[in-house]
N, C-alpha and C. Protein backbone atom coordinates (compact mmCIF):
# COMPACT_ATOMS: atom_id res chain seq x y z
N UNK A 1 -41.20 -15.62 -15.40
CA UNK A 1 -40.69 -14.44 -14.81
C UNK A 1 -39.92 -14.61 -13.40
N UNK A 2 -40.43 -15.42 -12.56
CA UNK A 2 -39.76 -15.72 -11.30
C UNK A 2 -38.31 -16.36 -11.51
N UNK A 3 -38.28 -17.25 -12.63
CA UNK A 3 -36.98 -17.95 -13.01
C UNK A 3 -35.93 -16.84 -13.54
N UNK A 4 -36.41 -15.75 -14.27
CA UNK A 4 -35.57 -14.73 -14.79
C UNK A 4 -35.07 -13.87 -13.53
N UNK A 5 -35.92 -13.65 -12.54
CA UNK A 5 -35.48 -12.81 -11.48
C UNK A 5 -34.43 -13.68 -10.68
N UNK A 6 -34.75 -14.97 -10.53
CA UNK A 6 -33.72 -15.72 -9.74
C UNK A 6 -32.41 -15.84 -10.39
N UNK A 7 -32.38 -16.03 -11.88
CA UNK A 7 -31.26 -16.06 -12.56
C UNK A 7 -30.45 -14.67 -12.46
N UNK A 8 -31.13 -13.55 -12.61
CA UNK A 8 -30.44 -12.28 -12.54
C UNK A 8 -29.93 -12.06 -11.09
N UNK A 9 -30.62 -12.54 -10.11
CA UNK A 9 -30.09 -12.44 -8.65
C UNK A 9 -28.91 -13.18 -8.46
N UNK A 10 -28.90 -14.38 -9.09
CA UNK A 10 -27.71 -15.42 -8.88
C UNK A 10 -26.54 -14.75 -9.60
N UNK A 11 -26.72 -14.29 -10.77
CA UNK A 11 -25.63 -13.79 -11.66
C UNK A 11 -25.14 -12.48 -10.81
N UNK A 12 -25.83 -11.60 -10.31
CA UNK A 12 -25.41 -10.40 -9.77
C UNK A 12 -24.76 -10.73 -8.37
N UNK A 13 -25.16 -11.74 -7.64
CA UNK A 13 -24.57 -12.19 -6.55
C UNK A 13 -23.19 -12.77 -6.74
N UNK A 14 -23.11 -13.55 -7.91
CA UNK A 14 -21.83 -14.11 -8.31
C UNK A 14 -20.78 -13.06 -8.72
N UNK A 15 -21.36 -11.98 -9.42
CA UNK A 15 -20.43 -10.92 -9.82
C UNK A 15 -19.95 -10.10 -8.63
N UNK A 16 -20.73 -9.93 -7.61
CA UNK A 16 -20.22 -9.28 -6.31
C UNK A 16 -19.20 -10.07 -5.68
N UNK A 17 -19.56 -11.47 -5.50
CA UNK A 17 -18.49 -12.20 -4.85
C UNK A 17 -17.26 -12.40 -5.68
N UNK A 18 -17.33 -12.42 -6.85
CA UNK A 18 -16.10 -12.38 -7.69
C UNK A 18 -15.28 -11.20 -7.55
N UNK A 19 -15.95 -10.02 -7.34
CA UNK A 19 -15.09 -8.71 -7.29
C UNK A 19 -14.60 -8.46 -6.04
N UNK A 20 -15.08 -9.21 -4.91
CA UNK A 20 -14.51 -9.03 -3.53
C UNK A 20 -13.00 -9.40 -3.60
N UNK A 21 -12.23 -8.73 -2.97
CA UNK A 21 -10.76 -9.00 -3.05
C UNK A 21 -10.06 -8.29 -4.10
N UNK A 22 -10.80 -7.89 -5.22
CA UNK A 22 -10.07 -7.28 -6.37
C UNK A 22 -9.63 -5.89 -5.89
N UNK A 23 -8.50 -5.45 -6.19
CA UNK A 23 -7.84 -4.19 -5.83
C UNK A 23 -7.56 -4.16 -4.44
N UNK A 24 -7.30 -5.28 -3.75
CA UNK A 24 -6.91 -5.24 -2.48
C UNK A 24 -5.51 -5.50 -2.37
N UNK A 25 -4.89 -4.87 -1.37
CA UNK A 25 -3.33 -5.18 -1.22
C UNK A 25 -3.28 -6.49 -0.47
N UNK A 26 -2.62 -7.42 -1.11
CA UNK A 26 -2.44 -8.76 -0.65
C UNK A 26 -1.16 -9.10 -0.02
N UNK A 27 -0.16 -8.24 -0.29
CA UNK A 27 1.21 -8.55 0.23
C UNK A 27 2.04 -7.16 0.25
N UNK A 28 2.74 -6.99 1.32
CA UNK A 28 3.58 -5.87 1.32
C UNK A 28 4.99 -6.40 1.66
N UNK A 29 5.89 -6.14 0.77
CA UNK A 29 7.32 -6.53 0.89
C UNK A 29 8.18 -5.43 1.31
N UNK A 30 8.96 -5.51 2.42
CA UNK A 30 9.69 -4.56 3.01
C UNK A 30 11.14 -4.95 2.80
N UNK A 31 11.93 -4.07 2.13
CA UNK A 31 13.30 -4.20 2.08
C UNK A 31 14.06 -3.05 2.57
N UNK A 32 15.47 -3.24 2.83
CA UNK A 32 16.26 -2.27 3.28
C UNK A 32 17.72 -2.55 3.13
N UNK A 33 18.60 -1.71 3.04
CA UNK A 33 19.97 -1.93 2.78
C UNK A 33 20.62 -2.79 3.95
N UNK A 34 20.02 -2.65 5.11
CA UNK A 34 20.57 -3.31 6.34
C UNK A 34 20.12 -4.66 6.44
N UNK A 35 18.89 -5.04 5.88
CA UNK A 35 18.34 -6.42 5.99
C UNK A 35 18.92 -7.36 5.06
N UNK A 36 19.15 -8.54 5.57
CA UNK A 36 19.54 -9.65 4.76
C UNK A 36 18.56 -10.22 3.76
N UNK A 37 17.31 -10.26 4.26
CA UNK A 37 16.23 -10.73 3.37
C UNK A 37 15.08 -9.83 3.68
N UNK A 38 14.16 -9.88 2.74
CA UNK A 38 12.89 -8.99 2.66
C UNK A 38 12.04 -9.51 3.85
N UNK A 39 11.12 -8.64 4.35
CA UNK A 39 10.10 -8.92 5.46
C UNK A 39 8.84 -8.99 4.47
N UNK A 40 8.04 -9.98 4.48
CA UNK A 40 6.81 -10.24 3.77
C UNK A 40 5.63 -10.15 4.72
N UNK A 41 4.66 -9.29 4.50
CA UNK A 41 3.54 -9.12 5.39
C UNK A 41 2.35 -9.43 4.57
N UNK A 42 1.51 -10.44 5.01
CA UNK A 42 0.27 -10.77 4.23
C UNK A 42 -1.02 -10.73 4.98
N UNK A 43 -0.88 -10.35 6.25
CA UNK A 43 -2.13 -10.30 7.05
C UNK A 43 -1.83 -9.30 8.33
N UNK A 44 -3.02 -9.01 8.98
CA UNK A 44 -3.00 -8.14 10.20
C UNK A 44 -3.19 -6.67 9.92
N UNK A 45 -2.91 -5.95 10.92
CA UNK A 45 -3.18 -4.47 10.70
C UNK A 45 -2.49 -3.64 9.73
N UNK A 46 -1.35 -4.10 9.42
CA UNK A 46 -0.44 -3.51 8.40
C UNK A 46 -1.20 -3.56 6.98
N UNK A 47 -1.56 -4.81 6.67
CA UNK A 47 -2.24 -5.07 5.41
C UNK A 47 -3.59 -4.51 5.28
N UNK A 48 -4.36 -4.61 6.48
CA UNK A 48 -5.78 -3.96 6.46
C UNK A 48 -5.80 -2.59 6.24
N UNK A 49 -4.75 -1.74 6.55
CA UNK A 49 -4.68 -0.37 6.21
C UNK A 49 -3.87 0.02 5.02
N UNK A 50 -3.35 -1.07 4.25
CA UNK A 50 -2.41 -0.78 3.14
C UNK A 50 -3.12 -0.84 1.73
N UNK A 51 -4.41 -0.56 1.68
CA UNK A 51 -4.95 -0.60 0.30
C UNK A 51 -4.44 0.60 -0.38
N UNK A 52 -3.78 0.24 -1.50
CA UNK A 52 -3.26 1.34 -2.38
C UNK A 52 -4.28 2.33 -2.88
N UNK A 53 -5.32 1.82 -3.36
CA UNK A 53 -6.35 2.79 -3.84
C UNK A 53 -7.00 3.68 -2.89
N UNK A 54 -7.16 3.26 -1.57
CA UNK A 54 -7.74 4.05 -0.61
C UNK A 54 -6.67 4.98 -0.10
N UNK A 55 -5.45 4.59 -0.08
CA UNK A 55 -4.48 5.50 0.43
C UNK A 55 -4.48 5.81 2.00
N UNK A 56 -5.15 5.06 2.81
CA UNK A 56 -5.33 5.40 4.19
C UNK A 56 -3.97 5.44 4.94
N UNK A 57 -2.96 4.77 4.41
CA UNK A 57 -1.69 4.70 5.06
C UNK A 57 -1.01 6.01 4.99
N UNK A 58 -1.40 6.90 4.01
CA UNK A 58 -0.74 8.18 3.75
C UNK A 58 -1.37 9.30 4.55
N UNK A 59 -0.67 10.08 5.34
CA UNK A 59 -1.08 11.09 6.16
C UNK A 59 -0.93 12.34 5.28
N UNK A 60 -0.92 13.52 6.13
CA UNK A 60 -0.64 14.79 5.48
C UNK A 60 0.73 15.05 5.00
N UNK A 61 0.92 15.85 3.97
CA UNK A 61 2.28 16.22 3.41
C UNK A 61 3.10 16.84 4.55
N UNK A 62 4.42 16.67 4.51
CA UNK A 62 5.37 17.18 5.42
C UNK A 62 6.70 17.26 4.93
N UNK A 63 7.56 17.84 5.59
CA UNK A 63 8.94 17.91 5.11
C UNK A 63 9.57 16.60 5.33
N UNK A 64 10.86 16.52 4.73
CA UNK A 64 11.59 15.23 4.86
C UNK A 64 11.86 14.83 6.35
N UNK A 65 11.74 13.57 6.67
CA UNK A 65 12.10 13.32 8.02
C UNK A 65 13.57 13.36 8.46
N UNK A 66 13.87 13.14 9.74
CA UNK A 66 15.25 13.19 10.11
C UNK A 66 16.09 12.26 9.32
N UNK A 67 17.25 12.68 8.75
CA UNK A 67 18.09 11.74 7.93
C UNK A 67 18.49 10.57 8.71
N UNK A 68 18.58 10.54 10.05
CA UNK A 68 19.09 9.37 10.86
C UNK A 68 18.01 8.30 10.90
N UNK A 69 16.77 8.58 10.45
CA UNK A 69 15.78 7.48 10.47
C UNK A 69 16.07 6.39 9.50
N UNK A 70 15.83 5.26 9.88
CA UNK A 70 16.12 4.04 9.07
C UNK A 70 15.02 4.15 7.97
N UNK A 71 15.54 3.87 6.68
CA UNK A 71 14.68 3.99 5.58
C UNK A 71 14.32 2.43 4.99
N UNK A 72 13.27 2.20 4.40
CA UNK A 72 12.78 1.04 3.79
C UNK A 72 12.11 1.13 2.51
N UNK A 73 12.07 0.39 1.72
CA UNK A 73 11.31 0.23 0.32
C UNK A 73 10.19 -0.61 0.64
N UNK A 74 9.04 -0.07 0.36
CA UNK A 74 7.76 -0.86 0.64
C UNK A 74 7.12 -1.12 -0.81
N UNK A 75 6.91 -2.42 -1.03
CA UNK A 75 6.34 -2.78 -2.29
C UNK A 75 5.03 -3.46 -2.10
N UNK A 76 3.91 -2.79 -2.66
CA UNK A 76 2.56 -3.23 -2.39
C UNK A 76 2.15 -4.17 -3.58
N UNK A 77 1.82 -5.44 -3.37
CA UNK A 77 1.10 -6.28 -4.45
C UNK A 77 -0.43 -6.36 -4.31
N UNK A 78 -0.94 -6.11 -5.41
CA UNK A 78 -2.45 -5.89 -5.44
C UNK A 78 -3.13 -7.09 -6.20
N UNK A 79 -4.37 -7.45 -5.62
CA UNK A 79 -5.01 -8.56 -6.27
C UNK A 79 -5.95 -7.91 -7.44
N UNK A 80 -5.59 -8.34 -8.63
CA UNK A 80 -6.35 -7.91 -9.78
C UNK A 80 -7.64 -8.83 -10.14
N UNK A 81 -8.20 -8.69 -11.26
CA UNK A 81 -9.25 -9.49 -11.77
C UNK A 81 -8.78 -10.90 -11.90
N UNK A 82 -7.53 -11.14 -12.64
CA UNK A 82 -7.05 -12.48 -12.94
C UNK A 82 -5.95 -12.94 -12.13
N UNK A 83 -5.19 -11.96 -11.59
CA UNK A 83 -4.05 -12.49 -10.72
C UNK A 83 -3.45 -11.36 -9.93
N UNK A 84 -2.51 -11.69 -9.20
CA UNK A 84 -1.79 -10.74 -8.27
C UNK A 84 -0.93 -9.85 -9.25
N UNK A 85 -1.13 -8.40 -9.07
CA UNK A 85 -0.26 -7.58 -9.86
C UNK A 85 1.04 -7.24 -8.84
N UNK A 86 2.17 -7.71 -9.11
CA UNK A 86 3.25 -7.61 -8.25
C UNK A 86 3.74 -6.26 -8.53
N UNK A 87 4.33 -5.71 -7.35
CA UNK A 87 4.88 -4.36 -7.25
C UNK A 87 3.95 -3.40 -8.06
N UNK A 88 2.79 -3.35 -7.57
CA UNK A 88 1.70 -2.47 -8.21
C UNK A 88 1.92 -0.97 -7.69
N UNK A 89 2.57 -0.89 -6.57
CA UNK A 89 2.98 0.41 -6.04
C UNK A 89 4.18 0.31 -5.00
N UNK A 90 5.01 1.30 -5.08
CA UNK A 90 6.11 1.25 -4.29
C UNK A 90 6.28 2.64 -3.67
N UNK A 91 6.74 2.61 -2.35
CA UNK A 91 6.95 3.85 -1.62
C UNK A 91 8.21 3.70 -0.80
N UNK A 92 8.78 4.82 -0.34
CA UNK A 92 9.89 4.77 0.66
C UNK A 92 9.16 5.06 1.97
N UNK A 93 9.79 4.42 2.97
CA UNK A 93 9.28 4.51 4.36
C UNK A 93 10.35 4.93 5.26
N UNK A 94 10.27 5.98 6.21
CA UNK A 94 11.22 6.20 7.14
C UNK A 94 10.59 5.91 8.53
N UNK A 95 11.18 4.97 9.28
CA UNK A 95 10.71 4.81 10.62
C UNK A 95 11.02 5.78 11.55
N UNK A 96 10.03 6.38 12.12
CA UNK A 96 10.22 7.33 13.17
C UNK A 96 10.82 6.72 14.49
N UNK A 97 11.20 7.53 15.42
CA UNK A 97 11.54 7.19 16.77
C UNK A 97 10.34 7.26 17.69
N UNK A 98 10.08 6.41 18.56
CA UNK A 98 9.09 6.35 19.59
C UNK A 98 7.84 7.08 19.11
N UNK A 99 7.47 8.17 19.60
CA UNK A 99 6.19 8.77 19.31
C UNK A 99 6.13 9.53 17.81
N UNK A 100 7.25 9.37 17.06
CA UNK A 100 7.34 10.10 15.92
C UNK A 100 6.73 9.35 14.64
N UNK A 101 6.17 8.03 14.86
CA UNK A 101 5.50 7.31 13.88
C UNK A 101 6.34 6.98 12.72
N UNK A 102 5.95 7.44 11.55
CA UNK A 102 6.77 7.15 10.35
C UNK A 102 6.40 8.12 9.23
N UNK A 103 7.10 7.99 8.07
CA UNK A 103 6.98 8.94 7.04
C UNK A 103 6.89 8.11 5.72
N UNK A 104 6.14 8.64 4.82
CA UNK A 104 5.94 7.87 3.54
C UNK A 104 6.29 8.89 2.46
N UNK A 105 7.29 8.33 1.53
CA UNK A 105 7.73 9.24 0.35
C UNK A 105 7.09 8.52 -0.87
N UNK A 106 6.18 9.40 -1.64
CA UNK A 106 5.68 8.85 -2.83
C UNK A 106 6.64 9.36 -3.99
N UNK A 107 7.26 8.39 -4.58
CA UNK A 107 8.30 8.69 -5.67
C UNK A 107 7.63 9.59 -6.82
N UNK A 108 8.34 10.53 -7.20
CA UNK A 108 7.93 11.44 -8.27
C UNK A 108 8.52 11.33 -9.51
N UNK A 109 8.26 12.11 -10.38
CA UNK A 109 8.88 12.07 -11.84
C UNK A 109 10.37 11.91 -11.70
N UNK A 110 10.95 11.09 -12.55
CA UNK A 110 12.41 10.77 -12.46
C UNK A 110 12.79 9.67 -11.56
N UNK A 111 11.95 9.25 -10.68
CA UNK A 111 12.31 8.07 -9.74
C UNK A 111 11.94 6.77 -10.54
N UNK A 112 12.76 5.80 -10.41
CA UNK A 112 12.34 4.58 -11.05
C UNK A 112 10.97 3.91 -10.80
N UNK A 113 10.39 4.15 -9.60
CA UNK A 113 9.16 3.75 -9.33
C UNK A 113 7.98 4.39 -9.65
N UNK A 114 8.18 5.70 -10.27
CA UNK A 114 7.16 6.51 -10.49
C UNK A 114 6.24 6.03 -11.66
N UNK A 115 6.81 5.56 -12.71
CA UNK A 115 5.95 5.03 -13.92
C UNK A 115 5.01 3.92 -13.32
N UNK A 116 5.66 3.02 -12.59
CA UNK A 116 4.89 1.91 -12.04
C UNK A 116 3.71 2.37 -11.17
N UNK A 117 4.02 3.30 -10.29
CA UNK A 117 2.96 3.86 -9.31
C UNK A 117 1.86 4.54 -10.15
N UNK A 118 2.14 5.38 -11.19
CA UNK A 118 1.13 6.16 -11.86
C UNK A 118 0.34 5.16 -12.72
N UNK A 119 0.89 3.97 -13.08
CA UNK A 119 0.13 3.04 -13.88
C UNK A 119 -0.82 2.26 -13.06
N UNK A 120 -0.79 2.36 -11.68
CA UNK A 120 -1.63 1.80 -10.73
C UNK A 120 -2.65 2.93 -10.23
N UNK A 121 -2.14 4.08 -9.79
CA UNK A 121 -3.01 5.21 -9.26
C UNK A 121 -2.17 6.43 -9.24
N UNK A 122 -2.75 7.48 -9.74
CA UNK A 122 -2.07 8.78 -9.74
C UNK A 122 -2.63 9.57 -8.45
N UNK A 123 -1.58 10.26 -7.82
CA UNK A 123 -1.94 11.14 -6.77
C UNK A 123 -1.42 12.51 -6.96
N UNK A 124 -2.07 13.18 -7.86
CA UNK A 124 -1.68 14.38 -8.35
C UNK A 124 -1.30 15.40 -7.11
N UNK A 125 -0.20 16.04 -7.17
CA UNK A 125 0.15 16.94 -6.14
C UNK A 125 0.82 16.32 -4.88
N UNK A 126 0.80 15.01 -4.92
CA UNK A 126 1.42 14.33 -3.83
C UNK A 126 2.77 13.44 -4.12
N UNK A 127 2.77 13.16 -5.31
CA UNK A 127 3.99 12.33 -5.91
C UNK A 127 5.23 13.24 -5.84
N UNK A 128 6.29 12.75 -5.34
CA UNK A 128 7.56 13.31 -5.22
C UNK A 128 7.65 14.04 -3.98
N UNK A 129 6.79 13.76 -2.94
CA UNK A 129 6.83 14.50 -1.69
C UNK A 129 6.67 13.47 -0.53
N UNK A 130 7.20 13.88 0.69
CA UNK A 130 7.05 13.16 1.97
C UNK A 130 5.75 13.59 2.60
N UNK A 131 5.06 12.42 3.25
CA UNK A 131 3.94 12.54 4.03
C UNK A 131 4.11 11.86 5.38
N UNK A 132 3.45 12.35 6.25
CA UNK A 132 3.29 11.52 7.58
C UNK A 132 2.69 10.28 7.21
N UNK A 133 3.07 9.14 7.91
CA UNK A 133 2.28 7.88 7.80
C UNK A 133 1.20 8.03 8.72
N UNK A 134 0.02 7.43 8.35
CA UNK A 134 -1.18 7.27 9.13
C UNK A 134 -0.75 6.81 10.48
N UNK A 135 -1.03 7.26 11.63
CA UNK A 135 -0.52 6.84 12.92
C UNK A 135 -0.67 5.44 13.29
N UNK A 136 -1.96 5.00 13.23
CA UNK A 136 -2.20 3.49 13.51
C UNK A 136 -1.32 2.52 12.66
N UNK A 137 -1.23 2.95 11.33
CA UNK A 137 -0.52 2.07 10.40
C UNK A 137 0.97 2.05 10.68
N UNK A 138 1.46 3.16 10.94
CA UNK A 138 2.87 3.38 11.30
C UNK A 138 3.15 2.54 12.54
N UNK A 139 2.34 2.74 13.62
CA UNK A 139 2.57 1.92 14.81
C UNK A 139 2.59 0.41 14.54
N UNK A 140 1.64 -0.12 13.67
CA UNK A 140 1.72 -1.48 13.32
C UNK A 140 2.83 -1.98 12.52
N UNK A 141 3.14 -1.11 11.53
CA UNK A 141 4.35 -1.40 10.67
C UNK A 141 5.62 -1.33 11.49
N UNK A 142 5.76 -0.30 12.38
CA UNK A 142 7.04 -0.16 13.06
C UNK A 142 7.31 -1.32 14.08
N UNK A 143 6.07 -1.97 14.57
CA UNK A 143 6.18 -3.07 15.42
C UNK A 143 6.86 -4.32 14.63
N UNK A 144 6.76 -4.34 13.43
CA UNK A 144 7.01 -5.58 12.71
C UNK A 144 8.57 -5.36 12.14
N UNK A 145 8.89 -4.12 12.15
CA UNK A 145 10.27 -3.81 11.57
C UNK A 145 11.33 -4.01 12.50
N UNK A 146 12.57 -4.42 12.09
CA UNK A 146 13.65 -4.63 13.10
C UNK A 146 14.00 -3.21 13.71
């Protein structure tokens, strides 16, 4: 009986350890029309708050940001069970000025990224709309952007 309990404990511990890191955002790739090459972020506060499934980087819905704000395309790569799922989720980001933080646009039906996004996670009622970016995440992201 003791061997059985030990075996079950070892197997369940192995399963938990194997599952750690699954569905975590492991890379954020930032591109823009103005940048010559993409910015790749793999660690730090931007990644820590960029879990696609938790959505902590997305704040409350809002109207579109000022058109003069610089726009970026953010591509979230997620660690799956077997490998990294590249471009698992894509949003548009508008970098606010000073205290204005940032804005996140979740592509809606008709946008090229929409099908990809809903194959990862659906955000009913939020796709196709602008949202404030979560304040701490926006500050961290803005500090890395040109």
